Amino acid sequence: ENVSPEDVKALQSLYREHCEAILDVVVNLQFSLIEKLWQTFWRYSPPDTVEGATVTENSSVSEIEARLPEAQLLLLCRNEAVLKWMSTCDHLMYQVLVEILIPDVLRPIPSALTQAIRNFAK
């Protein structure tokens, strides 16, 4: 089977939405949803939860499948350039997640701010 430019564009769009959704749930401290987001994107359904899947989860998978069939996703994931791109995206997303979860609390205070605080304290 061949991979079309439309498949690549669909993957780019879906992966961007996937990363944005992960960032959104982290920002909103909904960590329990991360696993479901990954499972939905990669079309993985654990055997013991298939029956308990909600309509929303099933429709999300159906929408993703309509935009990029799983067979095409798997073909794309065999491409070295695609894997490198995904790795770069993941790295950037993880950097943002670290910045969100572990703010730079030890960052030095600018001298102008220190001076303003001193002046205010007087």
Foldseek 3Di string as FASTA:
>chain_A
DDADPQLVVLVVVLVVVLLVVCVVCVLVVVVVCNVLSVCLLLVHDPPVCPVVDDPVSVVSSVVSCVSHNNVNVVVLCVDPVSVVVVVVVVVVSVVVSCCSVPPPPVDDDDPVVVVVVVVVVD
